[in-house]
Structure formats: C-alpha cells, structure tokens
Amino acid sequence: MENRIDSSDALTARKYFSNIWSAIRTTAKGMAITIGYVIKEKEVTVQYPEEREILPSNTRARLYNDVENCTACSQCANICPVNCIYIASKRMPKDAPAKKADNGMPIRMELTQYTIDTALCCYCGLCTTVCPTECITHTKNFEYSKYQLNDMKYDFLSTEMRSLRTAVLAEREE
C-alpha cells in the first residue's frame, strides 16, 4: 500500500491555503484603510450643538403644511404608508369668496383638521410628491424631540403652527 495523496485531496489543500491567503489579503486591505484614518487625524465628530453641519437641500426632516395653500384633496393622507396624516374638511359655503392656491389651483374645501403624527411618520416623502399645490414639504428642522408621545402630533391649523409659516417660507427660498 502506498500513501498517495488523492488528486481531490490536493485540490482541497490548495483551496484551504487559497482561503487563508485571501483572508490575510482582505484583512491587510481593511487595516490599511483603518491606519489611513489614524494617520490623517481628521476629525469626524462635530461638536454639536455648538457646531452644525450644513444639511443637504433634499433633507427629509420635519414635515410642514402651508394650510393657506392646501386644497384638502387628501392625496397626501391616501398615499401615506403609515397613515400619519389626518385630514378633515367641509365644502366652502357658496357665498364665500373664491380662493386660489399660490399655483392658481382653486380651493373649494375648507380644512377643519390637518394633523401629522410625526411619531408615526417614516419620512418617505411620498406626501410631498403627490401634493398638487406643493404645500406639504420637508423642512430642515430635525430638532423636535418631545417627552410625551402625544406631543408629536402637530395640528397645522393651530396658531402656533401658523406662526411658523414665515420661517418655513423663508427656508424654502434658500
């Protein structure tokens, strides 16, 4: 009897050492990247809130609805995958003066409720894409944490939210 290495065993041994070499090579490549960051000493931590990074123009942060331009079409509420937009409206009286949104679209319904529950919102942006008057938008404001879950519901017909209108419109202009 001879102690011969079968050809399938030799292939397995070759594969074994190939795997070891591949592991060494990829580990060295990863360590080179890590060492590069150590040598550069580039700061990656921002001293927030003293220093603030400039947010990209397409940032999806807090939602805002300009109720003055809202036609109460409910498209935003219908497309919302998590149902966080609550809209209630009624027909405008026939004797009421005709209103138009900024883009010229007629406003035939009067909003009685427009609330967004930001605790449920997944910030997908679908509501902003279907809005015919572009009144619902994402702002760059991401600092709106609350202690109570119910405080995450924002009623856009309240005077508090209406007072934000000038700030949000100015932000849109930027």
N, C-alpha and C. Protein backbone atom coordinates (compact mmCIF):
# COMPACT_ATOMS: atom_id res chain seq x y z
N MET A 1 0.82 -1.18 0.00
CA MET A 1 0.00 0.00 0.00
C MET A 1 0.85 1.23 0.00
N GLU A 2 0.47 2.07 -0.84
CA GLU A 2 1.21 3.33 -0.95
C GLU A 2 0.40 4.45 -0.32
N ASN A 3 1.13 5.40 0.27
CA ASN A 3 0.49 6.59 0.81
C ASN A 3 0.49 7.67 -0.26
N ARG A 4 -0.48 7.62 -1.08
CA ARG A 4 -0.57 8.61 -2.15
C ARG A 4 -1.66 9.63 -1.79
N ILE A 5 -1.41 10.85 -2.15
CA ILE A 5 -2.41 11.90 -1.96
C ILE A 5 -3.33 11.87 -3.16
N ASP A 6 -4.57 11.71 -2.88
CA ASP A 6 -5.56 11.68 -3.94
C ASP A 6 -5.64 13.07 -4.57
N SER A 7 -5.95 13.14 -5.85
CA SER A 7 -6.00 14.43 -6.55
C SER A 7 -7.10 15.32 -5.97
N SER A 8 -8.18 14.75 -5.49
CA SER A 8 -9.24 15.57 -4.89
C SER A 8 -8.79 16.15 -3.56
N ASP A 9 -7.94 15.42 -2.81
CA ASP A 9 -7.38 15.94 -1.57
C ASP A 9 -6.41 17.08 -1.83
N ALA A 10 -5.63 16.97 -2.89
CA ALA A 10 -4.68 18.02 -3.24
C ALA A 10 -5.43 19.30 -3.59
N LEU A 11 -6.51 19.15 -4.29
CA LEU A 11 -7.33 20.31 -4.64
C LEU A 11 -7.91 20.95 -3.38
N THR A 12 -8.31 20.15 -2.44
CA THR A 12 -8.84 20.65 -1.18
C THR A 12 -7.76 21.38 -0.40
N ALA A 13 -6.55 20.85 -0.38
CA ALA A 13 -5.44 21.52 0.31
C ALA A 13 -5.13 22.84 -0.37
N ARG A 14 -5.16 22.86 -1.70
CA ARG A 14 -4.91 24.10 -2.44
C ARG A 14 -5.99 25.13 -2.11
N LYS A 15 -7.22 24.67 -2.04
CA LYS A 15 -8.33 25.57 -1.71
C LYS A 15 -8.18 26.10 -0.29
N TYR A 16 -7.73 25.25 0.62
CA TYR A 16 -7.52 25.62 2.02
C TYR A 16 -6.51 26.76 2.13
N PHE A 17 -5.36 26.60 1.49
CA PHE A 17 -4.33 27.64 1.55
C PHE A 17 -4.74 28.88 0.77
N SER A 18 -5.52 28.71 -0.26
CA SER A 18 -6.03 29.85 -1.01
C SER A 18 -6.97 30.69 -0.14
N ASN A 19 -7.79 30.02 0.64
CA ASN A 19 -8.69 30.74 1.55
C ASN A 19 -7.91 31.48 2.63
N ILE A 20 -6.85 30.87 3.13
CA ILE A 20 -6.01 31.54 4.14
C ILE A 20 -5.37 32.78 3.53
N TRP A 21 -4.83 32.66 2.33
CA TRP A 21 -4.19 33.80 1.66
C TRP A 21 -5.21 34.91 1.40
N SER A 22 -6.41 34.54 0.99
CA SER A 22 -7.47 35.53 0.74
C SER A 22 -7.84 36.26 2.02
N ALA A 23 -7.91 35.55 3.13
CA ALA A 23 -8.23 36.18 4.42
C ALA A 23 -7.14 37.15 4.84
N ILE A 24 -5.88 36.77 4.65
CA ILE A 24 -4.76 37.65 5.00
C ILE A 24 -4.79 38.90 4.14
N ARG A 25 -5.03 38.73 2.84
CA ARG A 25 -5.04 39.85 1.90
C ARG A 25 -6.18 40.83 2.23
N THR A 26 -7.39 40.34 2.46
CA THR A 26 -8.51 41.24 2.74
C THR A 26 -8.37 41.91 4.11
N THR A 27 -7.80 41.21 5.08
CA THR A 27 -7.56 41.82 6.39
C THR A 27 -6.53 42.94 6.27
N ALA A 28 -5.48 42.71 5.50
CA ALA A 28 -4.46 43.74 5.29
C ALA A 28 -5.05 44.95 4.58
N LYS A 29 -5.92 44.70 3.63
CA LYS A 29 -6.56 45.80 2.90
C LYS A 29 -7.42 46.64 3.85
N GLY A 30 -8.19 45.97 4.71
CA GLY A 30 -9.02 46.67 5.68
C GLY A 30 -8.20 47.44 6.70
N MET A 31 -7.11 46.84 7.15
CA MET A 31 -6.24 47.52 8.11
C MET A 31 -5.56 48.73 7.49
N ALA A 32 -5.24 48.66 6.19
CA ALA A 32 -4.63 49.81 5.51
C ALA A 32 -5.59 50.99 5.52
N ILE A 33 -6.86 50.73 5.31
CA ILE A 33 -7.85 51.80 5.34
C ILE A 33 -7.95 52.38 6.75
N THR A 34 -7.99 51.52 7.75
CA THR A 34 -8.08 51.97 9.14
C THR A 34 -6.86 52.78 9.54
N ILE A 35 -5.68 52.31 9.19
CA ILE A 35 -4.44 53.03 9.52
C ILE A 35 -4.41 54.38 8.81
N GLY A 36 -4.95 54.43 7.60
CA GLY A 36 -5.03 55.70 6.88
C GLY A 36 -5.82 56.74 7.64
N TYR A 37 -6.92 56.33 8.27
CA TYR A 37 -7.71 57.26 9.07
C TYR A 37 -6.99 57.66 10.35
N VAL A 38 -6.23 56.77 10.93
CA VAL A 38 -5.48 57.07 12.15
C VAL A 38 -4.39 58.08 11.86
N ILE A 39 -3.69 57.92 10.75
CA ILE A 39 -2.58 58.80 10.39
C ILE A 39 -3.08 60.20 10.03
N LYS A 40 -4.20 60.28 9.28
CA LYS A 40 -4.71 61.58 8.84
C LYS A 40 -5.17 62.45 10.00
N GLU A 41 -5.67 61.84 11.06
CA GLU A 41 -6.19 62.54 12.23
C GLU A 41 -7.27 63.55 11.86
N LYS A 42 -8.10 63.19 10.91
CA LYS A 42 -9.21 64.05 10.52
C LYS A 42 -10.33 63.88 11.53
N GLU A 43 -10.87 65.01 12.00
CA GLU A 43 -11.97 64.95 12.96
C GLU A 43 -13.24 64.52 12.24
N VAL A 44 -13.89 63.55 12.79
CA VAL A 44 -15.17 63.12 12.23
C VAL A 44 -16.33 63.48 13.15
N THR A 45 -16.04 63.83 14.38
CA THR A 45 -17.08 64.20 15.33
C THR A 45 -17.28 65.70 15.29
N VAL A 46 -18.51 66.12 15.13
CA VAL A 46 -18.86 67.54 15.16
C VAL A 46 -19.31 67.87 16.57
N GLN A 47 -18.86 68.97 17.10
CA GLN A 47 -19.21 69.38 18.46
C GLN A 47 -20.60 70.00 18.47
N TYR A 48 -21.59 69.15 18.23
CA TYR A 48 -22.97 69.59 18.19
C TYR A 48 -23.45 69.89 19.61
N PRO A 49 -24.18 70.92 19.89
CA PRO A 49 -24.84 71.89 19.03
C PRO A 49 -24.04 73.16 18.76
N GLU A 50 -22.81 73.24 19.29
CA GLU A 50 -22.01 74.44 19.03
C GLU A 50 -21.66 74.55 17.55
N GLU A 51 -21.30 73.44 16.94
CA GLU A 51 -21.00 73.40 15.51
C GLU A 51 -22.10 72.61 14.82
N ARG A 52 -22.52 73.10 13.69
CA ARG A 52 -23.57 72.40 12.94
C ARG A 52 -23.14 72.23 11.49
N GLU A 53 -23.34 71.03 11.00
CA GLU A 53 -23.05 70.76 9.59
C GLU A 53 -24.15 71.38 8.74
N ILE A 54 -23.82 71.73 7.52
CA ILE A 54 -24.82 72.24 6.59
C ILE A 54 -25.59 71.04 6.03
N LEU A 55 -26.90 71.09 6.17
CA LEU A 55 -27.74 69.98 5.71
C LEU A 55 -27.94 70.07 4.20
N PRO A 56 -28.03 68.95 3.53
CA PRO A 56 -28.28 68.97 2.08
C PRO A 56 -29.66 69.55 1.78
N SER A 57 -29.84 70.03 0.57
CA SER A 57 -31.11 70.67 0.20
C SER A 57 -32.27 69.68 0.19
N ASN A 58 -31.99 68.40 0.00
CA ASN A 58 -33.07 67.41 -0.05
C ASN A 58 -33.25 66.68 1.28
N THR A 59 -32.91 67.33 2.38
CA THR A 59 -33.05 66.74 3.71
C THR A 59 -34.52 66.48 4.00
N ARG A 60 -34.80 65.30 4.50
CA ARG A 60 -36.17 64.95 4.88
C ARG A 60 -36.29 64.99 6.39
N ALA A 61 -36.59 66.16 6.91
CA ALA A 61 -36.77 66.30 8.35
C ALA A 61 -38.25 66.57 8.63
N ARG A 62 -38.55 67.44 9.54
CA ARG A 62 -39.92 67.69 9.97
C ARG A 62 -40.81 68.12 8.79
N LEU A 63 -42.02 67.60 8.77
CA LEU A 63 -42.98 67.97 7.74
C LEU A 63 -43.68 69.27 8.12
N TYR A 64 -44.00 70.06 7.12
CA TYR A 64 -44.76 71.29 7.34
C TYR A 64 -45.80 71.39 6.24
N ASN A 65 -47.02 71.78 6.61
CA ASN A 65 -48.07 72.00 5.63
C ASN A 65 -48.49 73.45 5.68
N ASP A 66 -48.38 74.12 4.55
CA ASP A 66 -48.84 75.50 4.42
C ASP A 66 -50.35 75.44 4.18
N VAL A 67 -51.13 75.50 5.25
CA VAL A 67 -52.57 75.30 5.15
C VAL A 67 -53.26 76.39 4.33
N GLU A 68 -52.61 77.51 4.13
CA GLU A 68 -53.19 78.58 3.31
C GLU A 68 -53.29 78.14 1.85
N ASN A 69 -52.43 77.23 1.42
CA ASN A 69 -52.43 76.75 0.04
C ASN A 69 -52.99 75.34 -0.11
N CYS A 70 -53.42 74.73 0.98
CA CYS A 70 -53.91 73.35 0.94
C CYS A 70 -55.33 73.31 0.37
N THR A 71 -55.54 72.43 -0.60
CA THR A 71 -56.86 72.28 -1.22
C THR A 71 -57.69 71.19 -0.55
N ALA A 72 -57.17 70.54 0.47
CA ALA A 72 -57.84 69.46 1.20
C ALA A 72 -58.21 68.32 0.27
N CYS A 73 -57.34 68.01 -0.67
CA CYS A 73 -57.61 66.94 -1.64
C CYS A 73 -57.39 65.55 -1.04
N SER A 74 -56.71 65.46 0.08
CA SER A 74 -56.42 64.22 0.81
C SER A 74 -55.49 63.26 0.08
N GLN A 75 -54.83 63.71 -0.97
CA GLN A 75 -53.90 62.82 -1.67
C GLN A 75 -52.73 62.43 -0.77
N CYS A 76 -52.28 63.37 0.05
CA CYS A 76 -51.16 63.06 0.96
C CYS A 76 -51.56 62.00 1.98
N ALA A 77 -52.76 62.10 2.52
CA ALA A 77 -53.23 61.12 3.50
C ALA A 77 -53.46 59.76 2.86
N ASN A 78 -53.93 59.76 1.62
CA ASN A 78 -54.21 58.49 0.94
C ASN A 78 -52.93 57.74 0.59
N ILE A 79 -51.86 58.45 0.23
CA ILE A 79 -50.64 57.78 -0.19
C ILE A 79 -49.73 57.42 0.98
N CYS A 80 -49.97 58.00 2.13
CA CYS A 80 -49.11 57.77 3.30
C CYS A 80 -49.13 56.29 3.70
N PRO A 81 -47.97 55.63 3.70
CA PRO A 81 -47.94 54.20 4.02
C PRO A 81 -48.20 53.88 5.49
N VAL A 82 -48.03 54.85 6.37
CA VAL A 82 -48.24 54.60 7.80
C VAL A 82 -49.46 55.33 8.37
N ASN A 83 -50.21 56.00 7.50
CA ASN A 83 -51.44 56.71 7.89
C ASN A 83 -51.22 57.68 9.05
N CYS A 84 -50.23 58.55 8.91
CA CYS A 84 -49.95 59.50 9.99
C CYS A 84 -50.53 60.88 9.72
N ILE A 85 -51.21 61.07 8.58
CA ILE A 85 -51.80 62.36 8.23
C ILE A 85 -53.31 62.27 8.41
N TYR A 86 -53.85 63.17 9.22
CA TYR A 86 -55.28 63.19 9.49
C TYR A 86 -55.87 64.48 8.92
N ILE A 87 -56.81 64.33 8.00
CA ILE A 87 -57.42 65.48 7.33
C ILE A 87 -58.93 65.40 7.50
N ALA A 88 -59.53 66.54 7.82
CA ALA A 88 -60.99 66.67 7.82
C ALA A 88 -61.29 68.00 7.14
N SER A 89 -62.32 68.01 6.33
CA SER A 89 -62.66 69.24 5.61
C SER A 89 -64.16 69.30 5.37
N LYS A 90 -64.60 70.48 4.98
CA LYS A 90 -66.01 70.67 4.61
C LYS A 90 -66.05 71.58 3.40
N ARG A 91 -67.14 71.50 2.68
CA ARG A 91 -67.30 72.34 1.49
C ARG A 91 -67.35 73.81 1.89
N MET A 92 -66.78 74.63 1.03
CA MET A 92 -66.85 76.08 1.26
C MET A 92 -68.29 76.52 1.01
N PRO A 93 -68.78 77.47 1.77
CA PRO A 93 -70.13 78.00 1.50
C PRO A 93 -70.19 78.62 0.10
N LYS A 94 -71.34 78.54 -0.52
CA LYS A 94 -71.48 79.05 -1.89
C LYS A 94 -71.25 80.56 -1.96
N ASP A 95 -71.57 81.27 -0.88
CA ASP A 95 -71.40 82.72 -0.89
C ASP A 95 -69.99 83.15 -0.50
N ALA A 96 -69.12 82.21 -0.17
CA ALA A 96 -67.74 82.54 0.21
C ALA A 96 -66.95 83.00 -1.01
N PRO A 97 -66.04 83.96 -0.81
CA PRO A 97 -65.23 84.41 -1.95
C PRO A 97 -64.32 83.28 -2.45
N ALA A 98 -64.09 83.26 -3.75
CA ALA A 98 -63.26 82.22 -4.36
C ALA A 98 -61.82 82.38 -3.89
N LYS A 99 -61.23 81.26 -3.48
CA LYS A 99 -59.84 81.26 -3.04
C LYS A 99 -59.02 80.43 -4.00
N LYS A 100 -57.77 80.83 -4.16
CA LYS A 100 -56.86 80.08 -5.01
C LYS A 100 -55.54 79.88 -4.27
N ALA A 101 -54.91 78.75 -4.56
CA ALA A 101 -53.59 78.49 -4.00
C ALA A 101 -52.56 79.32 -4.76
N ASP A 102 -51.34 79.35 -4.27
CA ASP A 102 -50.29 80.13 -4.92
C ASP A 102 -50.03 79.71 -6.36
N ASN A 103 -50.30 78.44 -6.69
CA ASN A 103 -50.07 77.99 -8.06
C ASN A 103 -51.31 78.16 -8.94
N GLY A 104 -52.36 78.82 -8.41
CA GLY A 104 -53.56 79.10 -9.19
C GLY A 104 -54.65 78.06 -9.08
N MET A 105 -54.43 77.00 -8.38
CA MET A 105 -55.42 75.94 -8.22
C MET A 105 -56.54 76.42 -7.30
N PRO A 106 -57.81 76.20 -7.67
CA PRO A 106 -58.91 76.67 -6.81
C PRO A 106 -59.01 75.86 -5.52
N ILE A 107 -59.33 76.56 -4.45
CA ILE A 107 -59.53 75.91 -3.14
C ILE A 107 -61.03 75.88 -2.89
N ARG A 108 -61.63 74.68 -2.98
CA ARG A 108 -63.08 74.52 -2.84
C ARG A 108 -63.48 73.94 -1.49
N MET A 109 -62.51 73.41 -0.76
CA MET A 109 -62.79 72.80 0.54
C MET A 109 -62.11 73.61 1.64
N GLU A 110 -62.75 73.65 2.79
CA GLU A 110 -62.19 74.35 3.95
C GLU A 110 -61.68 73.30 4.93
N LEU A 111 -60.42 73.41 5.29
CA LEU A 111 -59.83 72.46 6.24
C LEU A 111 -60.42 72.68 7.63
N THR A 112 -60.83 71.60 8.27
CA THR A 112 -61.25 71.68 9.67
C THR A 112 -60.24 70.97 10.57
N GLN A 113 -59.45 70.07 9.97
CA GLN A 113 -58.37 69.41 10.71
C GLN A 113 -57.26 69.05 9.72
N TYR A 114 -56.04 69.35 10.11
CA TYR A 114 -54.86 68.87 9.38
C TYR A 114 -53.79 68.59 10.42
N THR A 115 -53.63 67.32 10.75
CA THR A 115 -52.70 66.91 11.79
C THR A 115 -51.76 65.86 11.25
N ILE A 116 -50.48 65.98 11.60
CA ILE A 116 -49.49 64.96 11.24
C ILE A 116 -48.90 64.42 12.54
N ASP A 117 -48.95 63.10 12.67
CA ASP A 117 -48.36 62.43 13.82
C ASP A 117 -46.93 62.05 13.44
N THR A 118 -45.97 62.87 13.86
CA THR A 118 -44.58 62.64 13.47
C THR A 118 -43.96 61.44 14.18
N ALA A 119 -44.62 60.95 15.23
CA ALA A 119 -44.14 59.73 15.87
C ALA A 119 -44.37 58.51 14.97
N LEU A 120 -45.36 58.59 14.11
CA LEU A 120 -45.65 57.50 13.16
C LEU A 120 -44.94 57.69 11.82
N CYS A 121 -44.68 58.93 11.46
CA CYS A 121 -44.14 59.25 10.13
C CYS A 121 -42.82 58.54 9.87
N CYS A 122 -42.67 57.98 8.67
CA CYS A 122 -41.42 57.32 8.30
C CYS A 122 -40.57 58.21 7.38
N TYR A 123 -41.01 59.45 7.13
CA TYR A 123 -40.26 60.45 6.37
C TYR A 123 -39.87 59.95 4.98
N CYS A 124 -40.80 59.25 4.33
CA CYS A 124 -40.54 58.71 3.00
C CYS A 124 -40.66 59.78 1.92
N GLY A 125 -41.42 60.84 2.17
CA GLY A 125 -41.56 61.92 1.20
C GLY A 125 -42.65 61.70 0.17
N LEU A 126 -43.41 60.62 0.27
CA LEU A 126 -44.48 60.38 -0.71
C LEU A 126 -45.54 61.47 -0.67
N CYS A 127 -45.85 61.97 0.52
CA CYS A 127 -46.88 63.00 0.65
C CYS A 127 -46.46 64.29 -0.06
N THR A 128 -45.18 64.58 -0.07
CA THR A 128 -44.72 65.81 -0.71
C THR A 128 -44.74 65.69 -2.23
N THR A 129 -44.61 64.48 -2.75
CA THR A 129 -44.57 64.32 -4.20
C THR A 129 -45.95 64.36 -4.83
N VAL A 130 -47.00 63.95 -4.11
CA VAL A 130 -48.34 63.92 -4.70
C VAL A 130 -49.12 65.21 -4.50
N CYS A 131 -48.65 66.09 -3.66
CA CYS A 131 -49.38 67.32 -3.36
C CYS A 131 -49.46 68.21 -4.60
N PRO A 132 -50.66 68.51 -5.09
CA PRO A 132 -50.78 69.31 -6.31
C PRO A 132 -50.36 70.77 -6.13
N THR A 133 -50.43 71.29 -4.92
CA THR A 133 -50.05 72.68 -4.68
C THR A 133 -48.69 72.81 -4.02
N GLU A 134 -48.04 71.68 -3.76
CA GLU A 134 -46.73 71.65 -3.10
C GLU A 134 -46.75 72.38 -1.76
N CYS A 135 -47.87 72.28 -1.05
CA CYS A 135 -47.96 72.96 0.25
C CYS A 135 -47.36 72.14 1.38
N ILE A 136 -47.25 70.82 1.20
CA ILE A 136 -46.62 69.99 2.24
C ILE A 136 -45.18 69.71 1.83
N THR A 137 -44.27 70.08 2.71
CA THR A 137 -42.84 69.96 2.40
C THR A 137 -42.08 69.49 3.64
N HIS A 138 -40.88 69.01 3.39
CA HIS A 138 -39.96 68.69 4.48
C HIS A 138 -39.15 69.94 4.78
N THR A 139 -39.03 70.28 6.05
CA THR A 139 -38.18 71.39 6.44
C THR A 139 -36.81 70.83 6.82
N LYS A 140 -35.90 71.70 7.18
CA LYS A 140 -34.58 71.25 7.63
C LYS A 140 -34.51 71.16 9.16
N ASN A 141 -35.64 71.37 9.81
CA ASN A 141 -35.70 71.32 11.27
C ASN A 141 -35.80 69.87 11.72
N PHE A 142 -34.77 69.37 12.37
CA PHE A 142 -34.79 68.00 12.86
C PHE A 142 -34.79 67.94 14.39
N GLU A 143 -34.81 69.08 15.03
CA GLU A 143 -34.78 69.14 16.49
C GLU A 143 -36.18 69.38 17.04
N TYR A 144 -36.94 68.33 17.18
CA TYR A 144 -38.28 68.48 17.73
C TYR A 144 -38.66 67.30 18.61
N SER A 145 -37.71 66.88 19.44
CA SER A 145 -37.98 65.76 20.34
C SER A 145 -38.94 66.22 21.44
N LYS A 146 -39.72 65.29 21.93
CA LYS A 146 -40.71 65.56 22.97
C LYS A 146 -40.63 64.47 24.03
N TYR A 147 -41.13 64.78 25.21
CA TYR A 147 -41.16 63.80 26.29
C TYR A 147 -42.39 62.91 26.21
N GLN A 148 -43.48 63.44 25.72
CA GLN A 148 -44.73 62.69 25.62
C GLN A 148 -45.02 62.36 24.16
N LEU A 149 -45.49 61.16 23.92
CA LEU A 149 -45.77 60.71 22.56
C LEU A 149 -46.88 61.54 21.91
N ASN A 150 -47.86 61.95 22.68
CA ASN A 150 -48.96 62.76 22.13
C ASN A 150 -48.49 64.14 21.68
N ASP A 151 -47.37 64.60 22.20
CA ASP A 151 -46.84 65.91 21.79
C ASP A 151 -46.22 65.87 20.40
N MET A 152 -46.11 64.69 19.82
CA MET A 152 -45.54 64.55 18.48
C MET A 152 -46.59 64.74 17.39
N LYS A 153 -47.83 65.01 17.79
CA LYS A 153 -48.89 65.30 16.83
C LYS A 153 -48.95 66.81 16.64
N TYR A 154 -48.84 67.23 15.40
CA TYR A 154 -48.83 68.66 15.10
C TYR A 154 -50.09 69.04 14.33
N ASP A 155 -50.86 69.95 14.93
CA ASP A 155 -52.08 70.46 14.30
C ASP A 155 -51.70 71.72 13.54
N PHE A 156 -51.73 71.65 12.23
CA PHE A 156 -51.28 72.76 11.41
C PHE A 156 -52.29 73.89 11.31
N LEU A 157 -53.48 73.72 11.87
CA LEU A 157 -54.45 74.81 11.91
C LEU A 157 -54.32 75.64 13.18
N SER A 158 -53.48 75.21 14.11
CA SER A 158 -53.28 75.95 15.35
C SER A 158 -52.48 77.22 15.08
N THR A 159 -52.63 78.20 15.95
CA THR A 159 -51.92 79.46 15.77
C THR A 159 -50.41 79.27 15.91
N GLU A 160 -50.01 78.31 16.74
CA GLU A 160 -48.58 78.04 16.92
C GLU A 160 -47.94 77.60 15.60
N MET A 161 -48.59 76.69 14.90
CA MET A 161 -48.05 76.20 13.64
C MET A 161 -48.18 77.24 12.53
N ARG A 162 -49.22 78.02 12.55
CA ARG A 162 -49.37 79.07 11.53
C ARG A 162 -48.30 80.14 11.68
N SER A 163 -47.83 80.35 12.91
CA SER A 163 -46.79 81.35 13.12
C SER A 163 -45.45 80.91 12.53
N LEU A 164 -45.27 79.62 12.30
CA LEU A 164 -44.04 79.12 11.68
C LEU A 164 -44.00 79.37 10.17
N ARG A 165 -45.12 79.79 9.60
CA ARG A 165 -45.23 79.92 8.14
C ARG A 165 -44.15 80.80 7.54
N THR A 166 -43.90 81.96 8.10
CA THR A 166 -42.91 82.86 7.53
C THR A 166 -41.51 82.26 7.57
N ALA A 167 -41.18 81.57 8.66
CA ALA A 167 -39.86 80.95 8.77
C ALA A 167 -39.69 79.83 7.75
N VAL A 168 -40.73 79.03 7.56
CA VAL A 168 -40.65 77.92 6.61
C VAL A 168 -40.59 78.44 5.18
N LEU A 169 -41.38 79.45 4.87
CA LEU A 169 -41.35 80.03 3.53
C LEU A 169 -40.00 80.66 3.23
N ALA A 170 -39.37 81.27 4.23
CA ALA A 170 -38.04 81.84 4.04
C ALA A 170 -37.01 80.73 3.81
N GLU A 171 -37.17 79.62 4.50
CA GLU A 171 -36.26 78.48 4.33
C GLU A 171 -36.39 77.89 2.93
N ARG A 172 -37.60 77.87 2.39
CA ARG A 172 -37.83 77.35 1.03
C ARG A 172 -37.12 78.20 -0.01
N GLU A 173 -37.05 79.49 0.25
CA GLU A 173 -36.42 80.41 -0.70
C GLU A 173 -34.92 80.17 -0.81
N GLU A 174 -34.31 79.65 0.26
CA GLU A 174 -32.85 79.46 0.30
C GLU A 174 -32.38 78.44 -0.66
